[in-house]
Amino acid sequence: MMRQNISKVLMAVTLAFVLVFVSTDAYSQCAMCRATVESNVGSGSDASGNEVGSGLNAGILYLMVIPYLLIGTVGFLWYKSNQKKAKKA
């Protein structure tokens, strides 16, 4: 029992270190950049402008989905853990 707790704590600490130290740079978006991208995409300008706009949209969708995936995963694991405990009792 104690060994399982130690391994869980060790796994959590390892995961925390990996998430903290293995990261990439992220760039924020200012109002001027957003306005430029919107005007390029809206006016149908050259391919490079549309590429930036589609990349921006993909980035927004990516950032929007991550919290839902994390909460869903935690909820699923919690549900499975409670099922196992109920079967043992």
N, C-alpha and C. Protein backbone atom coordinates (compact mmCIF):
# COMPACT_ATOMS: atom_id res chain seq x y z
N MET A 1 0.82 -1.19 0.00
CA MET A 1 0.00 0.00 0.00
C MET A 1 0.87 1.26 0.00
N MET A 2 1.86 1.27 0.87
CA MET A 2 2.76 2.42 0.97
C MET A 2 3.58 2.57 -0.30
N ARG A 3 3.97 1.45 -0.88
CA ARG A 3 4.77 1.48 -2.11
C ARG A 3 3.96 2.08 -3.26
N GLN A 4 2.67 1.79 -3.32
CA GLN A 4 1.82 2.35 -4.36
C GLN A 4 1.70 3.87 -4.21
N ASN A 5 1.57 4.32 -2.98
CA ASN A 5 1.48 5.77 -2.74
C ASN A 5 2.77 6.48 -3.13
N ILE A 6 3.90 5.86 -2.81
CA ILE A 6 5.18 6.46 -3.18
C ILE A 6 5.33 6.52 -4.70
N SER A 7 4.92 5.47 -5.38
CA SER A 7 5.03 5.47 -6.84
C SER A 7 4.10 6.50 -7.47
N LYS A 8 2.92 6.71 -6.89
CA LYS A 8 2.00 7.74 -7.41
C LYS A 8 2.57 9.14 -7.21
N VAL A 9 3.14 9.38 -6.06
CA VAL A 9 3.74 10.68 -5.79
C VAL A 9 4.94 10.91 -6.70
N LEU A 10 5.75 9.90 -6.88
CA LEU A 10 6.91 10.01 -7.77
C LEU A 10 6.47 10.28 -9.20
N MET A 11 5.41 9.62 -9.64
CA MET A 11 4.89 9.84 -10.99
C MET A 11 4.36 11.27 -11.14
N ALA A 12 3.67 11.77 -10.13
CA ALA A 12 3.14 13.13 -10.18
C ALA A 12 4.26 14.16 -10.22
N VAL A 13 5.29 13.96 -9.42
CA VAL A 13 6.42 14.89 -9.40
C VAL A 13 7.16 14.85 -10.74
N THR A 14 7.35 13.67 -11.28
CA THR A 14 8.01 13.54 -12.59
C THR A 14 7.20 14.24 -13.67
N LEU A 15 5.90 14.04 -13.67
CA LEU A 15 5.04 14.69 -14.65
C LEU A 15 5.10 16.21 -14.50
N ALA A 16 5.11 16.70 -13.28
CA ALA A 16 5.19 18.14 -13.05
C ALA A 16 6.50 18.70 -13.60
N PHE A 17 7.61 18.03 -13.34
CA PHE A 17 8.89 18.50 -13.86
C PHE A 17 8.92 18.48 -15.39
N VAL A 18 8.37 17.44 -15.98
CA VAL A 18 8.34 17.37 -17.45
C VAL A 18 7.51 18.51 -18.01
N LEU A 19 6.35 18.77 -17.43
CA LEU A 19 5.50 19.84 -17.93
C LEU A 19 6.11 21.22 -17.73
N VAL A 20 6.88 21.39 -16.67
CA VAL A 20 7.48 22.69 -16.41
C VAL A 20 8.69 22.94 -17.31
N PHE A 21 9.53 21.93 -17.47
CA PHE A 21 10.80 22.15 -18.17
C PHE A 21 10.75 21.85 -19.66
N VAL A 22 9.77 21.13 -20.13
CA VAL A 22 9.65 20.85 -21.56
C VAL A 22 8.50 21.69 -22.09
N SER A 23 8.81 22.92 -22.42
CA SER A 23 7.79 23.82 -22.92
C SER A 23 8.32 24.56 -24.14
N THR A 24 7.42 25.10 -24.90
CA THR A 24 7.80 25.87 -26.07
C THR A 24 7.38 27.32 -25.89
N ASP A 25 7.94 28.18 -26.70
CA ASP A 25 7.58 29.59 -26.64
C ASP A 25 6.18 29.78 -27.20
N ALA A 26 5.44 30.66 -26.59
CA ALA A 26 4.11 31.02 -27.08
C ALA A 26 4.07 32.53 -27.27
N TYR A 27 3.47 32.96 -28.34
CA TYR A 27 3.41 34.37 -28.65
C TYR A 27 1.99 34.88 -28.40
N SER A 28 1.91 36.03 -27.78
CA SER A 28 0.60 36.61 -27.53
C SER A 28 0.14 37.37 -28.77
N GLN A 29 -1.12 37.72 -28.77
CA GLN A 29 -1.68 38.39 -29.93
C GLN A 29 -2.14 39.79 -29.52
N CYS A 30 -1.60 40.79 -30.16
CA CYS A 30 -2.01 42.15 -29.86
C CYS A 30 -3.19 42.54 -30.75
N ALA A 31 -3.83 43.64 -30.43
CA ALA A 31 -4.99 44.08 -31.19
C ALA A 31 -4.63 44.42 -32.64
N MET A 32 -3.46 44.98 -32.85
CA MET A 32 -3.04 45.33 -34.22
C MET A 32 -2.82 44.08 -35.06
N CYS A 33 -2.22 43.05 -34.46
CA CYS A 33 -2.00 41.80 -35.20
C CYS A 33 -3.33 41.18 -35.59
N ARG A 34 -4.27 41.18 -34.65
CA ARG A 34 -5.57 40.58 -34.92
C ARG A 34 -6.27 41.34 -36.05
N ALA A 35 -6.21 42.66 -36.01
CA ALA A 35 -6.84 43.47 -37.05
C ALA A 35 -6.20 43.20 -38.41
N THR A 36 -4.90 43.06 -38.45
CA THR A 36 -4.21 42.78 -39.71
C THR A 36 -4.61 41.42 -40.27
N VAL A 37 -4.65 40.43 -39.42
CA VAL A 37 -5.04 39.08 -39.86
C VAL A 37 -6.47 39.09 -40.36
N GLU A 38 -7.36 39.75 -39.63
CA GLU A 38 -8.76 39.80 -40.04
C GLU A 38 -8.91 40.50 -41.39
N SER A 39 -8.17 41.58 -41.61
CA SER A 39 -8.29 42.29 -42.88
C SER A 39 -7.70 41.46 -44.02
N ASN A 40 -6.60 40.75 -43.78
CA ASN A 40 -6.01 39.91 -44.83
C ASN A 40 -6.94 38.76 -45.20
N VAL A 41 -7.51 38.11 -44.21
CA VAL A 41 -8.40 36.98 -44.47
C VAL A 41 -9.70 37.48 -45.09
N GLY A 42 -10.22 38.59 -44.58
CA GLY A 42 -11.49 39.11 -45.07
C GLY A 42 -11.42 39.62 -46.50
N SER A 43 -10.30 40.20 -46.90
CA SER A 43 -10.19 40.76 -48.24
C SER A 43 -9.72 39.74 -49.26
N GLY A 44 -9.36 38.55 -48.81
CA GLY A 44 -8.91 37.51 -49.74
C GLY A 44 -7.57 37.84 -50.36
N SER A 45 -6.67 38.42 -49.58
CA SER A 45 -5.36 38.81 -50.12
C SER A 45 -4.50 37.58 -50.37
N ASP A 46 -3.22 37.80 -50.60
CA ASP A 46 -2.30 36.73 -51.01
C ASP A 46 -2.32 35.53 -50.06
N ALA A 47 -1.72 34.45 -50.49
CA ALA A 47 -1.76 33.18 -49.75
C ALA A 47 -1.09 33.28 -48.39
N SER A 48 -0.05 34.12 -48.27
CA SER A 48 0.64 34.21 -46.98
C SER A 48 -0.26 34.81 -45.91
N GLY A 49 -1.08 35.77 -46.28
CA GLY A 49 -2.03 36.35 -45.32
C GLY A 49 -3.07 35.35 -44.90
N ASN A 50 -3.57 34.56 -45.84
CA ASN A 50 -4.57 33.56 -45.51
C ASN A 50 -3.96 32.44 -44.67
N GLU A 51 -2.70 32.15 -44.92
CA GLU A 51 -2.02 31.12 -44.15
C GLU A 51 -1.90 31.54 -42.69
N VAL A 52 -1.61 32.81 -42.46
CA VAL A 52 -1.52 33.32 -41.10
C VAL A 52 -2.89 33.26 -40.43
N GLY A 53 -3.92 33.63 -41.15
CA GLY A 53 -5.27 33.60 -40.59
C GLY A 53 -5.73 32.21 -40.25
N SER A 54 -5.46 31.25 -41.12
CA SER A 54 -5.88 29.88 -40.83
C SER A 54 -5.05 29.30 -39.69
N GLY A 55 -3.77 29.67 -39.61
CA GLY A 55 -2.95 29.23 -38.49
C GLY A 55 -3.43 29.83 -37.17
N LEU A 56 -3.86 31.07 -37.22
CA LEU A 56 -4.40 31.71 -36.02
C LEU A 56 -5.68 31.02 -35.58
N ASN A 57 -6.55 30.70 -36.52
CA ASN A 57 -7.79 30.01 -36.19
C ASN A 57 -7.51 28.62 -35.61
N ALA A 58 -6.55 27.91 -36.17
CA ALA A 58 -6.19 26.59 -35.65
C ALA A 58 -5.63 26.71 -34.24
N GLY A 59 -4.84 27.74 -33.99
CA GLY A 59 -4.30 27.96 -32.65
C GLY A 59 -5.38 28.25 -31.63
N ILE A 60 -6.38 29.02 -32.03
CA ILE A 60 -7.49 29.32 -31.13
C ILE A 60 -8.27 28.05 -30.81
N LEU A 61 -8.53 27.23 -31.82
CA LEU A 61 -9.24 25.98 -31.59
C LEU A 61 -8.44 25.05 -30.69
N TYR A 62 -7.14 24.99 -30.90
CA TYR A 62 -6.27 24.16 -30.07
C TYR A 62 -6.34 24.61 -28.61
N LEU A 63 -6.23 25.90 -28.38
CA LEU A 63 -6.28 26.42 -27.01
C LEU A 63 -7.66 26.21 -26.38
N MET A 64 -8.70 26.21 -27.19
CA MET A 64 -10.05 26.03 -26.67
C MET A 64 -10.31 24.58 -26.27
N VAL A 65 -9.73 23.63 -26.97
CA VAL A 65 -10.02 22.21 -26.74
C VAL A 65 -9.25 21.64 -25.55
N ILE A 66 -8.06 22.11 -25.30
CA ILE A 66 -7.20 21.53 -24.26
C ILE A 66 -7.86 21.48 -22.88
N PRO A 67 -8.48 22.55 -22.37
CA PRO A 67 -9.10 22.43 -21.04
C PRO A 67 -10.20 21.37 -20.98
N TYR A 68 -10.98 21.26 -22.05
CA TYR A 68 -12.05 20.25 -22.07
C TYR A 68 -11.46 18.84 -22.06
N LEU A 69 -10.39 18.63 -22.79
CA LEU A 69 -9.74 17.31 -22.78
C LEU A 69 -9.18 16.98 -21.39
N LEU A 70 -8.55 17.95 -20.76
CA LEU A 70 -8.00 17.71 -19.43
C LEU A 70 -9.09 17.40 -18.41
N ILE A 71 -10.15 18.19 -18.41
CA ILE A 71 -11.24 17.97 -17.46
C ILE A 71 -11.93 16.64 -17.75
N GLY A 72 -12.13 16.32 -19.02
CA GLY A 72 -12.74 15.05 -19.38
C GLY A 72 -11.89 13.86 -18.95
N THR A 73 -10.59 13.96 -19.12
CA THR A 73 -9.69 12.87 -18.73
C THR A 73 -9.70 12.68 -17.21
N VAL A 74 -9.63 13.77 -16.47
CA VAL A 74 -9.67 13.66 -15.01
C VAL A 74 -11.00 13.08 -14.56
N GLY A 75 -12.10 13.52 -15.16
CA GLY A 75 -13.41 12.98 -14.81
C GLY A 75 -13.53 11.51 -15.12
N PHE A 76 -13.01 11.09 -16.27
CA PHE A 76 -13.06 9.67 -16.65
C PHE A 76 -12.24 8.82 -15.68
N LEU A 77 -11.03 9.27 -15.35
CA LEU A 77 -10.19 8.52 -14.42
C LEU A 77 -10.82 8.46 -13.02
N TRP A 78 -11.44 9.54 -12.61
CA TRP A 78 -12.12 9.57 -11.32
C TRP A 78 -13.28 8.58 -11.31
N TYR A 79 -14.06 8.57 -12.39
CA TYR A 79 -15.18 7.64 -12.52
C TYR A 79 -14.71 6.19 -12.46
N LYS A 80 -13.65 5.88 -13.20
CA LYS A 80 -13.12 4.51 -13.20
C LYS A 80 -12.60 4.12 -11.82
N SER A 81 -11.94 5.05 -11.15
CA SER A 81 -11.43 4.78 -9.81
C SER A 81 -12.57 4.50 -8.84
N ASN A 82 -13.64 5.26 -8.93
CA ASN A 82 -14.79 5.03 -8.06
C ASN A 82 -15.47 3.70 -8.36
N GLN A 83 -15.49 3.30 -9.63
CA GLN A 83 -16.07 2.00 -9.98
C GLN A 83 -15.26 0.87 -9.37
N LYS A 84 -13.94 0.97 -9.43
CA LYS A 84 -13.08 -0.07 -8.85
C LYS A 84 -13.28 -0.16 -7.34
N LYS A 85 -13.38 1.00 -6.69
CA LYS A 85 -13.59 1.01 -5.24
C LYS A 85 -14.95 0.42 -4.87
N ALA A 86 -15.96 0.68 -5.69
CA ALA A 86 -17.31 0.15 -5.42
C ALA A 86 -17.34 -1.36 -5.58
N LYS A 87 -16.58 -1.89 -6.53
CA LYS A 87 -16.54 -3.35 -6.74
C LYS A 87 -15.83 -4.04 -5.58
N LYS A 88 -14.81 -3.39 -5.02
CA LYS A 88 -14.06 -3.98 -3.90
C LYS A 88 -14.89 -3.98 -2.62
N ALA A 89 -15.76 -3.00 -2.46
CA ALA A 89 -16.55 -2.88 -1.22
C ALA A 89 -17.73 -3.81 -1.17
